[in-house]
Amino acid sequence: MTIGTGFPDFICFKKSNEKQEVRGIEAKSQGYLDKEERKKVEWYLKNKIFSKILVAKKAKKAGQIEYINLGEKYGIK
């Protein structure tokens, strides 16, 4: 596996009670998506491919990661 060959970079599954969520995680050092990636986020969320798509970016403190929920950021439900 290699990083940087597709969107999103990682797919994870979260199971809580009887519900299972599929989440996409995109790694970006600054946290910015280009126009094509934003369109993909919108399509994936509107078509319920992923329950959430997060961007993992560098936090202000060294060695920490900050997660941004793209559905909330772009107002997509």
PDB file of N, CA and C in Angstrom:
ATOM      1  N   MET A   1       0.836  -1.185   0.000  1.00  0.00           N
ATOM      2  CA  MET A   1       0.000   0.000   0.000  1.00  0.00           C
ATOM      3  C   MET A   1       0.878   1.243   0.000  1.00  0.00           C
ATOM      4  N   THR A   2       0.400   2.265  -0.684  1.00  0.00           N
ATOM      5  CA  THR A   2       1.115   3.532  -0.697  1.00  0.00           C
ATOM      6  C   THR A   2       0.152   4.660  -0.360  1.00  0.00           C
ATOM      7  N   ILE A   3       0.682   5.736   0.155  1.00  0.00           N
ATOM      8  CA  ILE A   3      -0.123   6.909   0.489  1.00  0.00           C
ATOM      9  C   ILE A   3      -0.054   7.884  -0.677  1.00  0.00           C
ATOM     10  N   GLY A   4      -1.157   8.539  -0.958  1.00  0.00           N
ATOM     11  CA  GLY A   4      -1.179   9.570  -1.983  1.00  0.00           C
ATOM     12  C   GLY A   4      -1.636   9.085  -3.342  1.00  0.00           C
ATOM     13  N   THR A   5      -2.222   7.900  -3.407  1.00  0.00           N
ATOM     14  CA  THR A   5      -2.637   7.381  -4.711  1.00  0.00           C
ATOM     15  C   THR A   5      -4.143   7.442  -4.922  1.00  0.00           C
ATOM     16  N   GLY A   6      -4.897   7.865  -3.940  1.00  0.00           N
ATOM     17  CA  GLY A   6      -6.343   7.911  -4.093  1.00  0.00           C
ATOM     18  C   GLY A   6      -6.982   8.807  -3.056  1.00  0.00           C
ATOM     19  N   PHE A   7      -8.278   8.880  -3.127  1.00  0.00           N
ATOM     20  CA  PHE A   7      -9.028   9.681  -2.166  1.00  0.00           C
ATOM     21  C   PHE A   7     -10.139   8.835  -1.599  1.00  0.00           C
ATOM     22  N   PRO A   8     -10.312   8.723  -0.343  1.00  0.00           N
ATOM     23  CA  PRO A   8      -9.460   9.190   0.747  1.00  0.00           C
ATOM     24  C   PRO A   8      -8.260   8.266   0.945  1.00  0.00           C
ATOM     25  N   ASP A   9      -7.320   8.727   1.738  1.00  0.00           N
ATOM     26  CA  ASP A   9      -6.101   7.950   1.980  1.00  0.00           C
ATOM     27  C   ASP A   9      -6.372   6.694   2.800  1.00  0.00           C
ATOM     28  N   PHE A  10      -7.273   6.800   3.768  1.00  0.00           N
ATOM     29  CA  PHE A  10      -7.568   5.668   4.655  1.00  0.00           C
ATOM     30  C   PHE A  10      -9.072   5.498   4.803  1.00  0.00           C
ATOM     31  N   ILE A  11      -9.489   4.253   5.026  1.00  0.00           N
ATOM     32  CA  ILE A  11     -10.888   3.941   5.308  1.00  0.00           C
ATOM     33  C   ILE A  11     -10.904   3.192   6.635  1.00  0.00           C
ATOM     34  N   CYS A  12     -11.774   3.615   7.537  1.00  0.00           N
ATOM     35  CA  CYS A  12     -11.865   2.926   8.817  1.00  0.00           C
ATOM     36  C   CYS A  12     -13.322   2.618   9.145  1.00  0.00           C
ATOM     37  N   PHE A  13     -13.510   1.635   9.985  1.00  0.00           N
ATOM     38  CA  PHE A  13     -14.833   1.185  10.378  1.00  0.00           C
ATOM     39  C   PHE A  13     -14.973   1.377  11.880  1.00  0.00           C
ATOM     40  N   LYS A  14     -16.107   1.912  12.294  1.00  0.00           N
ATOM     41  CA  LYS A  14     -16.376   2.101  13.712  1.00  0.00           C
ATOM     42  C   LYS A  14     -17.699   1.419  14.030  1.00  0.00           C
ATOM     43  N   LYS A  15     -17.664   0.526  14.981  1.00  0.00           N
ATOM     44  CA  LYS A  15     -18.872  -0.178  15.382  1.00  0.00           C
ATOM     45  C   LYS A  15     -19.244   0.241  16.789  1.00  0.00           C
ATOM     46  N   SER A  16     -20.459   0.744  16.944  1.00  0.00           N
ATOM     47  CA  SER A  16     -20.967   1.106  18.261  1.00  0.00           C
ATOM     48  C   SER A  16     -22.392   0.578  18.372  1.00  0.00           C
ATOM     49  N   ASN A  17     -22.642  -0.161  19.427  1.00  0.00           N
ATOM     50  CA  ASN A  17     -23.931  -0.849  19.618  1.00  0.00           C
ATOM     51  C   ASN A  17     -24.232  -1.707  18.399  1.00  0.00           C
ATOM     52  N   GLU A  18     -25.318  -1.442  17.722  1.00  0.00           N
ATOM     53  CA  GLU A  18     -25.711  -2.217  16.532  1.00  0.00           C
ATOM     54  C   GLU A  18     -25.327  -1.484  15.242  1.00  0.00           C
ATOM     55  N   LYS A  19     -24.852  -0.269  15.361  1.00  0.00           N
ATOM     56  CA  LYS A  19     -24.580   0.573  14.203  1.00  0.00           C
ATOM     57  C   LYS A  19     -23.105   0.502  13.803  1.00  0.00           C
ATOM     58  N   GLN A  20     -22.854   0.438  12.495  1.00  0.00           N
ATOM     59  CA  GLN A  20     -21.483   0.451  12.003  1.00  0.00           C
ATOM     60  C   GLN A  20     -21.313   1.650  11.087  1.00  0.00           C
ATOM     61  N   GLU A  21     -20.251   2.420  11.292  1.00  0.00           N
ATOM     62  CA  GLU A  21     -19.960   3.588  10.479  1.00  0.00           C
ATOM     63  C   GLU A  21     -18.730   3.321   9.628  1.00  0.00           C
ATOM     64  N   VAL A  22     -18.755   3.855   8.412  1.00  0.00           N
ATOM     65  CA  VAL A  22     -17.588   3.787   7.538  1.00  0.00           C
ATOM     66  C   VAL A  22     -17.101   5.223   7.380  1.00  0.00           C
ATOM     67  N   ARG A  23     -15.841   5.439   7.735  1.00  0.00           N
ATOM     68  CA  ARG A  23     -15.276   6.788   7.684  1.00  0.00           C
ATOM     69  C   ARG A  23     -14.089   6.818   6.741  1.00  0.00           C
ATOM     70  N   GLY A  24     -13.946   7.941   6.056  1.00  0.00           N
ATOM     71  CA  GLY A  24     -12.791   8.180   5.210  1.00  0.00           C
ATOM     72  C   GLY A  24     -11.886   9.184   5.890  1.00  0.00           C
ATOM     73  N   ILE A  25     -10.592   8.986   5.781  1.00  0.00           N
ATOM     74  CA  ILE A  25      -9.625   9.919   6.365  1.00  0.00           C
ATOM     75  C   ILE A  25      -8.624  10.309   5.296  1.00  0.00           C
ATOM     76  N   GLU A  26      -8.480  11.608   5.095  1.00  0.00           N
ATOM     77  CA  GLU A  26      -7.533  12.163   4.137  1.00  0.00           C
ATOM     78  C   GLU A  26      -6.432  12.858   4.925  1.00  0.00           C
ATOM     79  N   ALA A  27      -5.188  12.549   4.639  1.00  0.00           N
ATOM     80  CA  ALA A  27      -4.048  13.158   5.327  1.00  0.00           C
ATOM     81  C   ALA A  27      -3.544  14.349   4.511  1.00  0.00           C
ATOM     82  N   LYS A  28      -3.579  15.519   5.125  1.00  0.00           N
ATOM     83  CA  LYS A  28      -3.087  16.755   4.506  1.00  0.00           C
ATOM     84  C   LYS A  28      -2.317  17.528   5.561  1.00  0.00           C
ATOM     85  N   SER A  29      -1.086  17.890   5.270  1.00  0.00           N
ATOM     86  CA  SER A  29      -0.268  18.563   6.283  1.00  0.00           C
ATOM     87  C   SER A  29      -0.848  19.913   6.699  1.00  0.00           C
ATOM     88  N   GLN A  30      -1.436  20.654   5.759  1.00  0.00           N
ATOM     89  CA  GLN A  30      -2.019  21.950   6.081  1.00  0.00           C
ATOM     90  C   GLN A  30      -3.541  21.889   6.241  1.00  0.00           C
ATOM     91  N   GLY A  31      -4.167  20.795   5.814  1.00  0.00           N
ATOM     92  CA  GLY A  31      -5.603  20.632   5.992  1.00  0.00           C
ATOM     93  C   GLY A  31      -6.456  21.140   4.847  1.00  0.00           C
ATOM     94  N   TYR A  32      -5.847  21.523   3.724  1.00  0.00           N
ATOM     95  CA  TYR A  32      -6.590  22.086   2.598  1.00  0.00           C
ATOM     96  C   TYR A  32      -6.819  21.044   1.503  1.00  0.00           C
ATOM     97  N   LEU A  33      -8.027  21.037   0.957  1.00  0.00           N
ATOM     98  CA  LEU A  33      -8.361  20.162  -0.164  1.00  0.00           C
ATOM     99  C   LEU A  33      -8.435  20.987  -1.433  1.00  0.00           C
ATOM    100  N   ASP A  34      -8.100  20.364  -2.572  1.00  0.00           N
ATOM    101  CA  ASP A  34      -8.266  21.077  -3.832  1.00  0.00           C
ATOM    102  C   ASP A  34      -9.718  20.938  -4.304  1.00  0.00           C
ATOM    103  N   LYS A  35     -10.060  21.597  -5.391  1.00  0.00           N
ATOM    104  CA  LYS A  35     -11.438  21.650  -5.888  1.00  0.00           C
ATOM    105  C   LYS A  35     -11.985  20.252  -6.197  1.00  0.00           C
ATOM    106  N   GLU A  36     -11.186  19.417  -6.831  1.00  0.00           N
ATOM    107  CA  GLU A  36     -11.622  18.063  -7.192  1.00  0.00           C
ATOM    108  C   GLU A  36     -11.893  17.222  -5.942  1.00  0.00           C
ATOM    109  N   GLU A  37     -11.042  17.353  -4.934  1.00  0.00           N
ATOM    110  CA  GLU A  37     -11.233  16.600  -3.693  1.00  0.00           C
ATOM    111  C   GLU A  37     -12.494  17.059  -2.962  1.00  0.00           C
ATOM    112  N   ARG A  38     -12.785  18.356  -2.978  1.00  0.00           N
ATOM    113  CA  ARG A  38     -14.005  18.858  -2.342  1.00  0.00           C
ATOM    114  C   ARG A  38     -15.248  18.296  -3.028  1.00  0.00           C
ATOM    115  N   LYS A  39     -15.207  18.170  -4.354  1.00  0.00           N
ATOM    116  CA  LYS A  39     -16.331  17.580  -5.091  1.00  0.00           C
ATOM    117  C   LYS A  39     -16.522  16.115  -4.707  1.00  0.00           C
ATOM    118  N   LYS A  40     -15.410  15.391  -4.543  1.00  0.00           N
ATOM    119  CA  LYS A  40     -15.490  13.994  -4.132  1.00  0.00           C
ATOM    120  C   LYS A  40     -16.081  13.867  -2.735  1.00  0.00           C
ATOM    121  N   VAL A  41     -15.677  14.742  -1.814  1.00  0.00           N
ATOM    122  CA  VAL A  41     -16.215  14.736  -0.456  1.00  0.00           C
ATOM    123  C   VAL A  41     -17.730  14.915  -0.508  1.00  0.00           C
ATOM    124  N   GLU A  42     -18.174  15.895  -1.266  1.00  0.00           N
ATOM    125  CA  GLU A  42     -19.608  16.166  -1.377  1.00  0.00           C
ATOM    126  C   GLU A  42     -20.354  14.952  -1.928  1.00  0.00           C
ATOM    127  N   TRP A  43     -19.829  14.338  -2.975  1.00  0.00           N
ATOM    128  CA  TRP A  43     -20.482  13.183  -3.592  1.00  0.00           C
ATOM    129  C   TRP A  43     -20.522  11.993  -2.633  1.00  0.00           C
ATOM    130  N   TYR A  44     -19.388  11.685  -1.990  1.00  0.00           N
ATOM    131  CA  TYR A  44     -19.327  10.556  -1.055  1.00  0.00           C
ATOM    132  C   TYR A  44     -20.315  10.723   0.098  1.00  0.00           C
ATOM    133  N   LEU A  45     -20.433  11.934   0.634  1.00  0.00           N
ATOM    134  CA  LEU A  45     -21.331  12.153   1.764  1.00  0.00           C
ATOM    135  C   LEU A  45     -22.797  12.167   1.335  1.00  0.00           C
ATOM    136  N   LYS A  46     -23.105  12.811   0.216  1.00  0.00           N
ATOM    137  CA  LYS A  46     -24.503  12.860  -0.257  1.00  0.00           C
ATOM    138  C   LYS A  46     -25.016  11.487  -0.661  1.00  0.00           C
ATOM    139  N   ASN A  47     -24.151  10.643  -1.188  1.00  0.00           N
ATOM    140  CA  ASN A  47     -24.547   9.297  -1.606  1.00  0.00           C
ATOM    141  C   ASN A  47     -24.344   8.264  -0.500  1.00  0.00           C
ATOM    142  N   LYS A  48     -24.016   8.748   0.701  1.00  0.00           N
ATOM    143  CA  LYS A  48     -23.881   7.911   1.899  1.00  0.00           C
ATOM    144  C   LYS A  48     -22.877   6.769   1.736  1.00  0.00           C
ATOM    145  N   ILE A  49     -21.803   7.032   0.991  1.00  0.00           N
ATOM    146  CA  ILE A  49     -20.707   6.072   0.881  1.00  0.00           C
ATOM    147  C   ILE A  49     -19.947   6.041   2.209  1.00  0.00           C
ATOM    148  N   PHE A  50     -19.708   7.226   2.778  1.00  0.00           N
ATOM    149  CA  PHE A  50     -19.066   7.367   4.078  1.00  0.00           C
ATOM    150  C   PHE A  50     -20.003   8.110   5.012  1.00  0.00           C
ATOM    151  N   SER A  51     -19.973   7.740   6.294  1.00  0.00           N
ATOM    152  CA  SER A  51     -20.768   8.479   7.276  1.00  0.00           C
ATOM    153  C   SER A  51     -20.060   9.783   7.659  1.00  0.00           C
ATOM    154  N   LYS A  52     -18.732   9.770   7.621  1.00  0.00           N
ATOM    155  CA  LYS A  52     -17.919  10.966   7.895  1.00  0.00           C
ATOM    156  C   LYS A  52     -16.661  10.891   7.044  1.00  0.00           C
ATOM    157  N   ILE A  53     -16.173  12.064   6.663  1.00  0.00           N
ATOM    158  CA  ILE A  53     -14.855  12.157   6.048  1.00  0.00           C
ATOM    159  C   ILE A  53     -14.081  13.187   6.857  1.00  0.00           C
ATOM    160  N   LEU A  54     -12.919  12.772   7.332  1.00  0.00           N
ATOM    161  CA  LEU A  54     -12.089  13.628   8.168  1.00  0.00           C
ATOM    162  C   LEU A  54     -10.784  13.947   7.460  1.00  0.00           C
ATOM    163  N   VAL A  55     -10.256  15.145   7.726  1.00  0.00           N
ATOM    164  CA  VAL A  55      -8.912  15.498   7.282  1.00  0.00           C
ATOM    165  C   VAL A  55      -8.018  15.461   8.509  1.00  0.00           C
ATOM    166  N   ALA A  56      -6.934  14.722   8.401  1.00  0.00           N
ATOM    167  CA  ALA A  56      -5.931  14.676   9.467  1.00  0.00           C
ATOM    168  C   ALA A  56      -4.824  15.647   9.084  1.00  0.00           C
ATOM    169  N   LYS A  57      -4.575  16.632   9.937  1.00  0.00           N
ATOM    170  CA  LYS A  57      -3.541  17.624   9.636  1.00  0.00           C
ATOM    171  C   LYS A  57      -2.655  17.840  10.850  1.00  0.00           C
ATOM    172  N   LYS A  58      -1.517  18.465  10.607  1.00  0.00           N
ATOM    173  CA  LYS A  58      -0.582  18.775  11.691  1.00  0.00           C
ATOM    174  C   LYS A  58      -1.234  19.755  12.658  1.00  0.00           C
ATOM    175  N   ALA A  59      -1.089  19.478  13.949  1.00  0.00           N
ATOM    176  CA  ALA A  59      -1.566  20.410  14.971  1.00  0.00           C
ATOM    177  C   ALA A  59      -0.441  21.398  15.289  1.00  0.00           C
ATOM    178  N   LYS A  60      -0.764  22.410  16.054  1.00  0.00           N
ATOM    179  CA  LYS A  60       0.246  23.408  16.409  1.00  0.00           C
ATOM    180  C   LYS A  60       1.368  22.814  17.248  1.00  0.00           C
ATOM    181  N   LYS A  61       1.023  21.869  18.118  1.00  0.00           N
ATOM    182  CA  LYS A  61       2.023  21.226  18.958  1.00  0.00           C
ATOM    183  C   LYS A  61       2.645  20.064  18.193  1.00  0.00           C
ATOM    184  N   ALA A  62       3.956  19.977  18.190  1.00  0.00           N
ATOM    185  CA  ALA A  62       4.674  18.940  17.440  1.00  0.00           C
ATOM    186  C   ALA A  62       4.241  17.539  17.856  1.00  0.00           C
ATOM    187  N   GLY A  63       4.051  16.701  16.863  1.00  0.00           N
ATOM    188  CA  GLY A  63       3.702  15.306  17.109  1.00  0.00           C
ATOM    189  C   GLY A  63       2.226  15.043  17.320  1.00  0.00           C
ATOM    190  N   GLN A  64       1.393  16.074  17.293  1.00  0.00           N
ATOM    191  CA  GLN A  64      -0.042  15.885  17.470  1.00  0.00           C
ATOM    192  C   GLN A  64      -0.772  16.039  16.140  1.00  0.00           C
ATOM    193  N   ILE A  65      -1.949  15.427  16.066  1.00  0.00           N
ATOM    194  CA  ILE A  65      -2.762  15.457  14.849  1.00  0.00           C
ATOM    195  C   ILE A  65      -4.108  16.082  15.175  1.00  0.00           C
ATOM    196  N   GLU A  66      -4.579  16.941  14.292  1.00  0.00           N
ATOM    197  CA  GLU A  66      -5.890  17.573  14.424  1.00  0.00           C
ATOM    198  C   GLU A  66      -6.794  17.000  13.341  1.00  0.00           C
ATOM    199  N   TYR A  67      -8.039  16.693  13.696  1.00  0.00           N
ATOM    200  CA  TYR A  67      -8.993  16.148  12.736  1.00  0.00           C
ATOM    201  C   TYR A  67     -10.075  17.173  12.450  1.00  0.00           C
ATOM    202  N   ILE A  68     -10.397  17.354  11.161  1.00  0.00           N
ATOM    203  CA  ILE A  68     -11.437  18.270  10.741  1.00  0.00           C
ATOM    204  C   ILE A  68     -12.534  17.455  10.066  1.00  0.00           C
ATOM    205  N   ASN A  69     -13.774  17.593  10.545  1.00  0.00           N
ATOM    206  CA  ASN A  69     -14.920  16.905   9.955  1.00  0.00           C
ATOM    207  C   ASN A  69     -15.368  17.706   8.730  1.00  0.00           C
ATOM    208  N   LEU A  70     -15.196  17.150   7.538  1.00  0.00           N
ATOM    209  CA  LEU A  70     -15.492  17.886   6.315  1.00  0.00           C
ATOM    210  C   LEU A  70     -16.979  18.070   6.072  1.00  0.00           C
ATOM    211  N   GLY A  71     -17.803  17.153   6.545  1.00  0.00           N
ATOM    212  CA  GLY A  71     -19.252  17.314   6.415  1.00  0.00           C
ATOM    213  C   GLY A  71     -19.728  18.550   7.142  1.00  0.00           C
ATOM    214  N   GLU A  72     -19.209  18.772   8.348  1.00  0.00           N
ATOM    215  CA  GLU A  72     -19.555  19.959   9.118  1.00  0.00           C
ATOM    216  C   GLU A  72     -18.951  21.208   8.487  1.00  0.00           C
ATOM    217  N   LYS A  73     -17.722  21.112   8.040  1.00  0.00           N
ATOM    218  CA  LYS A  73     -17.030  22.277   7.482  1.00  0.00           C
ATOM    219  C   LYS A  73     -17.733  22.802   6.231  1.00  0.00           C
ATOM    220  N   TYR A  74     -18.178  21.890   5.354  1.00  0.00           N
ATOM    221  CA  TYR A  74     -18.825  22.293   4.096  1.00  0.00           C
ATOM    222  C   TYR A  74     -20.339  22.267   4.168  1.00  0.00           C
ATOM    223  N   GLY A  75     -20.909  21.941   5.327  1.00  0.00           N
ATOM    224  CA  GLY A  75     -22.353  21.953   5.493  1.00  0.00           C
ATOM    225  C   GLY A  75     -23.075  20.862   4.726  1.00  0.00           C
ATOM    226  N   ILE A  76     -22.462  19.683   4.627  1.00  0.00           N
ATOM    227  CA  ILE A  76     -23.048  18.564   3.884  1.00  0.00           C
ATOM    228  C   ILE A  76     -23.598  17.554   4.884  1.00  0.00           C
ATOM    229  N   LYS A  77     -24.839  17.141   4.679  1.00  0.00           N
ATOM    230  CA  LYS A  77     -25.450  16.142   5.583  1.00  0.00           C
ATOM    231  C   LYS A  77     -25.805  14.903   4.835  1.00  0.00           C
TER     232      LYS A  77
END
